[in-house]
N, C-alpha and C. Protein backbone atom coordinates (compact mmCIF):
# COMPACT_ATOMS: atom_id res chain seq x y z
N GLN A 1 33.29 -6.44 18.35
CA GLN A 1 33.71 -5.20 17.75
C GLN A 1 32.54 -4.72 16.83
N ILE A 2 32.30 -3.43 16.94
CA ILE A 2 31.11 -2.85 16.23
C ILE A 2 31.64 -2.43 14.80
N PRO A 3 30.97 -2.97 13.79
CA PRO A 3 31.42 -2.57 12.38
C PRO A 3 30.89 -1.21 12.02
N SER A 4 31.33 -0.70 10.86
CA SER A 4 30.95 0.57 10.37
C SER A 4 29.49 0.47 9.76
N LYS A 5 28.87 1.66 9.56
CA LYS A 5 27.53 1.72 8.99
C LYS A 5 27.56 1.18 7.55
N GLU A 6 28.66 1.27 6.87
CA GLU A 6 28.74 0.83 5.52
C GLU A 6 28.59 -0.69 5.38
N THR A 7 28.66 -1.40 6.51
CA THR A 7 28.48 -2.86 6.52
C THR A 7 27.14 -3.27 5.97
N LYS A 8 26.10 -2.41 6.18
CA LYS A 8 24.77 -2.63 5.77
C LYS A 8 24.26 -4.03 6.20
N SER A 9 24.43 -4.31 7.45
CA SER A 9 23.99 -5.62 7.98
C SER A 9 22.93 -5.45 8.96
N HIS A 10 22.21 -6.57 9.23
CA HIS A 10 21.19 -6.64 10.22
C HIS A 10 21.19 -8.10 10.77
N ASP A 11 21.57 -8.23 12.02
CA ASP A 11 21.69 -9.53 12.57
C ASP A 11 20.93 -9.71 13.88
N VAL A 12 20.31 -10.84 14.09
CA VAL A 12 19.57 -11.18 15.29
C VAL A 12 19.96 -12.56 15.76
N ALA A 13 20.24 -12.69 17.08
CA ALA A 13 20.57 -13.97 17.66
C ALA A 13 19.96 -14.11 18.98
N PHE A 14 19.48 -15.33 19.31
CA PHE A 14 19.02 -15.61 20.68
C PHE A 14 20.16 -16.24 21.41
N LEU A 15 20.48 -15.74 22.59
CA LEU A 15 21.52 -16.32 23.46
C LEU A 15 20.76 -16.94 24.62
N TYR A 16 21.05 -18.20 24.85
CA TYR A 16 20.36 -18.95 25.96
C TYR A 16 21.35 -19.83 26.62
N ASP A 17 20.97 -20.55 27.68
CA ASP A 17 21.81 -21.37 28.58
C ASP A 17 22.93 -20.45 29.10
N LEU A 18 22.56 -19.28 29.55
CA LEU A 18 23.47 -18.32 30.09
C LEU A 18 23.96 -18.77 31.48
N LYS A 19 25.13 -18.44 31.87
CA LYS A 19 25.69 -18.81 33.18
C LYS A 19 25.03 -17.94 34.27
N ALA A 20 24.69 -16.70 33.94
CA ALA A 20 24.11 -15.78 34.91
C ALA A 20 23.16 -14.79 34.18
N PRO A 21 22.18 -14.28 34.86
CA PRO A 21 21.26 -13.38 34.17
C PRO A 21 21.65 -11.91 34.12
N TRP A 22 22.70 -11.69 33.29
CA TRP A 22 23.15 -10.35 33.07
C TRP A 22 23.86 -10.27 31.69
N ALA A 23 23.95 -9.07 31.20
CA ALA A 23 24.69 -8.86 29.90
C ALA A 23 25.19 -7.40 29.90
N ALA A 24 26.33 -7.19 29.20
CA ALA A 24 26.87 -5.90 29.10
C ALA A 24 27.60 -5.68 27.81
N ILE A 25 27.66 -4.46 27.42
CA ILE A 25 28.49 -4.09 26.22
C ILE A 25 29.17 -2.77 26.60
N ARG A 26 30.43 -2.63 26.12
CA ARG A 26 31.14 -1.40 26.46
C ARG A 26 32.16 -1.06 25.36
N ASN A 27 32.52 0.23 25.36
CA ASN A 27 33.58 0.76 24.54
C ASN A 27 34.92 0.40 25.21
N GLN A 28 35.67 -0.41 24.56
CA GLN A 28 36.97 -0.84 25.15
C GLN A 28 37.97 0.29 25.20
N GLU A 29 37.80 1.29 24.38
CA GLU A 29 38.75 2.40 24.39
C GLU A 29 38.60 3.33 25.61
N ASN A 30 37.33 3.59 26.00
CA ASN A 30 37.17 4.54 27.13
C ASN A 30 36.46 3.84 28.31
N GLY A 31 36.07 2.57 28.20
CA GLY A 31 35.46 1.86 29.27
C GLY A 31 34.00 2.17 29.56
N LEU A 32 33.40 3.08 28.81
CA LEU A 32 32.01 3.42 29.03
C LEU A 32 31.12 2.25 28.55
N GLY A 33 30.18 1.81 29.36
CA GLY A 33 29.36 0.69 28.99
C GLY A 33 27.93 0.75 29.54
N PHE A 34 27.14 -0.20 29.08
CA PHE A 34 25.74 -0.32 29.42
C PHE A 34 25.51 -1.82 29.78
N GLY A 35 24.82 -2.05 30.84
CA GLY A 35 24.57 -3.44 31.28
C GLY A 35 23.15 -3.62 31.79
N LEU A 36 22.73 -4.88 31.79
CA LEU A 36 21.42 -5.26 32.36
C LEU A 36 21.57 -6.45 33.22
N CYS A 37 20.74 -6.60 34.29
CA CYS A 37 20.54 -7.82 34.96
C CYS A 37 19.04 -8.00 35.22
N TRP A 38 18.63 -9.24 35.27
CA TRP A 38 17.19 -9.51 35.26
C TRP A 38 16.85 -10.77 36.00
N SER A 39 15.56 -11.01 36.17
CA SER A 39 15.08 -12.26 36.79
C SER A 39 15.10 -13.39 35.78
N GLU A 40 15.95 -14.35 36.10
CA GLU A 40 16.10 -15.46 35.10
C GLU A 40 14.95 -16.45 35.16
N ASP A 41 14.05 -16.36 36.18
CA ASP A 41 12.92 -17.21 36.19
C ASP A 41 11.85 -16.77 35.15
N VAL A 42 11.89 -15.54 34.72
CA VAL A 42 11.07 -15.00 33.67
C VAL A 42 11.79 -14.84 32.40
N PHE A 43 12.90 -14.22 32.43
CA PHE A 43 13.74 -14.01 31.20
C PHE A 43 14.86 -15.00 31.20
N ASN A 44 14.78 -16.03 30.34
CA ASN A 44 15.78 -17.07 30.33
C ASN A 44 16.68 -17.02 29.13
N CYS A 45 16.53 -15.97 28.29
CA CYS A 45 17.40 -15.83 27.14
C CYS A 45 17.53 -14.32 26.81
N ILE A 46 18.41 -14.05 25.89
CA ILE A 46 18.57 -12.61 25.42
C ILE A 46 18.36 -12.57 23.93
N TRP A 47 17.71 -11.59 23.49
CA TRP A 47 17.66 -11.29 22.06
C TRP A 47 18.73 -10.29 21.85
N PHE A 48 19.77 -10.69 21.08
CA PHE A 48 20.92 -9.78 20.77
C PHE A 48 20.81 -9.43 19.29
N TRP A 49 20.54 -8.17 19.06
CA TRP A 49 20.37 -7.73 17.63
C TRP A 49 21.24 -6.52 17.34
N GLN A 50 21.63 -6.43 16.11
CA GLN A 50 22.49 -5.42 15.61
C GLN A 50 22.00 -4.90 14.28
N VAL A 51 22.02 -3.68 14.07
CA VAL A 51 21.70 -3.03 12.78
C VAL A 51 22.87 -2.10 12.45
N PHE A 52 23.54 -2.34 11.39
CA PHE A 52 24.70 -1.53 11.00
C PHE A 52 24.42 -1.03 9.56
N GLY A 53 23.56 -0.08 9.34
CA GLY A 53 23.25 0.42 8.01
C GLY A 53 22.23 -0.40 7.24
N GLY A 54 21.64 -1.37 7.81
CA GLY A 54 20.60 -2.24 7.14
C GLY A 54 19.43 -2.39 8.04
N PRO A 55 18.44 -3.12 7.67
CA PRO A 55 18.11 -3.61 6.36
C PRO A 55 17.48 -2.51 5.52
N PRO A 56 17.30 -2.75 4.25
CA PRO A 56 16.82 -1.72 3.32
C PRO A 56 15.38 -1.34 3.57
N GLY A 57 14.45 -2.23 4.08
CA GLY A 57 13.04 -1.93 4.22
C GLY A 57 12.69 -1.44 5.56
N TYR A 58 11.37 -1.57 5.84
CA TYR A 58 10.82 -1.15 7.12
C TYR A 58 11.54 -1.85 8.28
N ASN A 59 11.87 -1.24 9.27
CA ASN A 59 11.53 0.06 9.74
C ASN A 59 12.80 0.97 9.82
N PHE A 60 13.93 0.48 9.40
CA PHE A 60 15.15 1.29 9.44
C PHE A 60 15.55 1.93 8.16
N TYR A 61 15.13 1.36 7.01
CA TYR A 61 15.44 1.91 5.71
C TYR A 61 16.92 2.34 5.55
N LYS A 62 17.80 1.48 5.95
CA LYS A 62 19.30 1.65 5.90
C LYS A 62 19.82 2.79 6.78
N ARG A 63 18.99 3.27 7.69
CA ARG A 63 19.47 4.37 8.58
C ARG A 63 19.87 3.95 9.95
N GLY A 64 19.57 2.71 10.30
CA GLY A 64 19.83 2.25 11.69
C GLY A 64 21.31 1.96 11.91
N TYR A 65 21.72 2.27 13.09
CA TYR A 65 23.10 1.94 13.52
C TYR A 65 23.06 1.70 15.06
N LEU A 66 22.90 0.44 15.45
CA LEU A 66 22.67 0.16 16.85
C LEU A 66 22.99 -1.31 17.24
N THR A 67 23.21 -1.52 18.48
CA THR A 67 23.26 -2.86 19.04
C THR A 67 22.37 -2.88 20.24
N ALA A 68 21.60 -3.99 20.41
CA ALA A 68 20.66 -4.05 21.48
C ALA A 68 20.76 -5.44 22.19
N LEU A 69 20.61 -5.33 23.50
CA LEU A 69 20.56 -6.54 24.36
C LEU A 69 19.19 -6.51 24.98
N GLU A 70 18.37 -7.57 24.69
CA GLU A 70 16.98 -7.50 25.14
C GLU A 70 16.60 -8.80 25.80
N PRO A 71 16.38 -8.80 27.16
CA PRO A 71 15.96 -10.07 27.81
C PRO A 71 14.60 -10.51 27.25
N TRP A 72 14.52 -11.80 27.10
CA TRP A 72 13.26 -12.42 26.54
C TRP A 72 12.90 -13.65 27.37
N SER A 73 11.63 -13.99 27.31
CA SER A 73 11.14 -15.15 28.07
C SER A 73 11.10 -16.39 27.20
N SER A 74 11.25 -16.33 25.95
CA SER A 74 11.17 -17.51 25.08
C SER A 74 11.92 -17.22 23.73
N TYR A 75 12.12 -18.36 23.05
CA TYR A 75 12.72 -18.26 21.72
C TYR A 75 12.23 -19.36 20.83
N PRO A 76 12.21 -19.16 19.58
CA PRO A 76 12.49 -17.92 18.80
C PRO A 76 11.32 -16.93 19.00
N SER A 77 11.37 -15.81 18.26
CA SER A 77 10.37 -14.79 18.39
C SER A 77 8.97 -15.26 17.76
N ASP A 78 9.03 -16.25 16.92
CA ASP A 78 7.80 -16.82 16.37
C ASP A 78 7.09 -17.58 17.49
N PHE A 79 5.95 -17.09 17.96
CA PHE A 79 5.26 -17.67 19.18
C PHE A 79 4.94 -19.13 18.93
N ASN A 80 4.45 -19.54 17.82
CA ASN A 80 4.14 -20.90 17.54
C ASN A 80 5.36 -21.83 17.65
N LYS A 81 6.50 -21.36 17.24
CA LYS A 81 7.71 -22.13 17.32
C LYS A 81 8.22 -22.20 18.77
N ALA A 82 8.01 -21.11 19.50
CA ALA A 82 8.33 -21.11 20.95
C ALA A 82 7.47 -22.09 21.73
N ILE A 83 6.19 -22.17 21.35
CA ILE A 83 5.33 -23.19 21.96
C ILE A 83 5.84 -24.55 21.63
N ALA A 84 6.16 -24.79 20.37
CA ALA A 84 6.61 -26.10 19.93
C ALA A 84 7.84 -26.56 20.65
N ASN A 85 8.79 -25.64 20.87
CA ASN A 85 10.04 -26.05 21.54
C ASN A 85 10.04 -25.88 23.04
N LYS A 86 8.78 -25.62 23.59
CA LYS A 86 8.45 -25.53 25.02
C LYS A 86 9.19 -24.44 25.74
N THR A 87 9.48 -23.33 25.08
CA THR A 87 10.11 -22.16 25.71
C THR A 87 9.18 -21.04 25.95
N ALA A 88 7.98 -21.08 25.41
CA ALA A 88 7.02 -20.04 25.55
C ALA A 88 6.55 -19.89 27.02
N LEU A 89 6.56 -18.68 27.45
CA LEU A 89 6.11 -18.37 28.83
C LEU A 89 4.59 -18.49 28.90
N LYS A 90 4.06 -19.24 29.83
CA LYS A 90 2.61 -19.41 29.91
C LYS A 90 2.09 -18.57 31.07
N ILE A 91 1.12 -17.75 30.79
CA ILE A 91 0.49 -16.87 31.85
C ILE A 91 -1.00 -17.23 31.88
N CYS A 92 -1.45 -17.75 32.96
CA CYS A 92 -2.82 -18.14 33.13
C CYS A 92 -3.74 -16.96 33.46
N ALA A 93 -5.04 -17.14 33.26
CA ALA A 93 -5.99 -16.03 33.59
C ALA A 93 -5.88 -15.66 35.06
N ASP A 94 -5.90 -14.40 35.36
CA ASP A 94 -5.78 -13.87 36.72
C ASP A 94 -4.44 -14.10 37.38
N GLN A 95 -3.51 -14.54 36.57
CA GLN A 95 -2.17 -14.82 37.15
C GLN A 95 -1.32 -13.53 37.06
N THR A 96 -0.48 -13.33 38.05
CA THR A 96 0.44 -12.21 38.06
C THR A 96 1.88 -12.71 38.02
N ILE A 97 2.67 -12.15 37.16
CA ILE A 97 4.12 -12.46 37.10
C ILE A 97 4.86 -11.17 37.46
N LYS A 98 5.74 -11.33 38.40
CA LYS A 98 6.61 -10.19 38.74
C LYS A 98 8.02 -10.53 38.35
N SER A 99 8.74 -9.44 37.94
CA SER A 99 10.06 -9.63 37.42
C SER A 99 10.88 -8.42 37.86
N ARG A 100 12.16 -8.61 37.64
CA ARG A 100 13.13 -7.54 37.95
C ARG A 100 13.99 -7.35 36.66
N LEU A 101 14.17 -6.04 36.40
CA LEU A 101 15.09 -5.64 35.29
C LEU A 101 15.84 -4.38 35.71
N LEU A 102 17.13 -4.48 35.75
CA LEU A 102 17.97 -3.35 36.16
C LEU A 102 18.91 -2.97 35.09
N ALA A 103 18.94 -1.71 34.76
CA ALA A 103 19.84 -1.21 33.73
C ALA A 103 20.88 -0.30 34.41
N VAL A 104 22.18 -0.40 33.98
CA VAL A 104 23.25 0.38 34.56
C VAL A 104 24.11 0.88 33.46
N ILE A 105 24.58 2.12 33.67
CA ILE A 105 25.67 2.69 32.82
C ILE A 105 26.89 2.74 33.70
N PHE A 106 28.08 2.30 33.14
CA PHE A 106 29.25 2.20 33.96
C PHE A 106 30.47 2.59 33.19
N GLU A 107 31.54 2.80 33.87
CA GLU A 107 32.89 3.04 33.28
C GLU A 107 33.82 2.04 33.96
N LYS A 108 34.35 1.11 33.12
CA LYS A 108 35.22 0.06 33.60
C LYS A 108 36.15 -0.37 32.46
N THR A 109 37.42 -0.46 32.67
CA THR A 109 38.28 -0.83 31.60
C THR A 109 38.74 -2.28 31.78
N THR A 110 38.54 -2.87 32.95
CA THR A 110 38.95 -4.28 33.12
C THR A 110 37.77 -5.17 32.77
N PRO A 111 37.97 -6.48 32.57
CA PRO A 111 36.93 -7.38 32.17
C PRO A 111 35.67 -7.31 33.15
N ILE A 112 34.55 -7.46 32.55
CA ILE A 112 33.28 -7.46 33.39
C ILE A 112 32.95 -8.92 33.68
N ARG A 113 32.84 -9.19 34.95
CA ARG A 113 32.60 -10.57 35.41
C ARG A 113 31.20 -10.78 35.95
N ASN A 114 30.50 -9.68 36.30
CA ASN A 114 29.16 -9.81 36.85
C ASN A 114 28.52 -8.43 36.98
N ILE A 115 27.18 -8.43 36.93
CA ILE A 115 26.41 -7.26 37.32
C ILE A 115 25.51 -7.76 38.41
N THR A 116 25.62 -7.25 39.61
CA THR A 116 24.86 -7.72 40.72
C THR A 116 23.44 -7.16 40.75
N ASP A 117 22.58 -7.76 41.62
CA ASP A 117 21.19 -7.27 41.80
C ASP A 117 21.10 -5.83 42.23
N SER A 118 22.15 -5.32 42.86
CA SER A 118 22.18 -3.92 43.30
C SER A 118 22.78 -2.99 42.22
N GLY A 119 23.19 -3.57 41.08
CA GLY A 119 23.75 -2.70 39.97
C GLY A 119 25.26 -2.52 40.01
N GLU A 120 25.88 -3.22 40.87
CA GLU A 120 27.40 -3.14 40.93
C GLU A 120 27.99 -3.90 39.78
N VAL A 121 28.91 -3.31 39.06
CA VAL A 121 29.57 -3.96 37.93
C VAL A 121 30.94 -4.47 38.46
N GLU A 122 31.05 -5.82 38.46
CA GLU A 122 32.29 -6.41 39.03
C GLU A 122 33.24 -6.79 37.89
């Protein structure tokens, strides 16, 4: 449930050990939603962050009101800590990494069980 802007909160969480490489959020009243699916070999976790009237300093200055789902390759966001816990993605010189990221907007009032590689919301 999305709180009001008066909450003045700012929260960040890494979600990992996901059952499948997709995430979605929707308005339960009208079913309108947004979802992502991605390559789990590159993105193995999600950065889930929310700004509801906070934080007071840079860069929102108490004006932000949003929820974001952001696929990530490692956690936490501090690179040295990600190296220490062995989640940092290593890219060698002259190496190419290919990935897939699909975004969908949907209307669905029943529970979301999956977002397929073709963008179908099940």
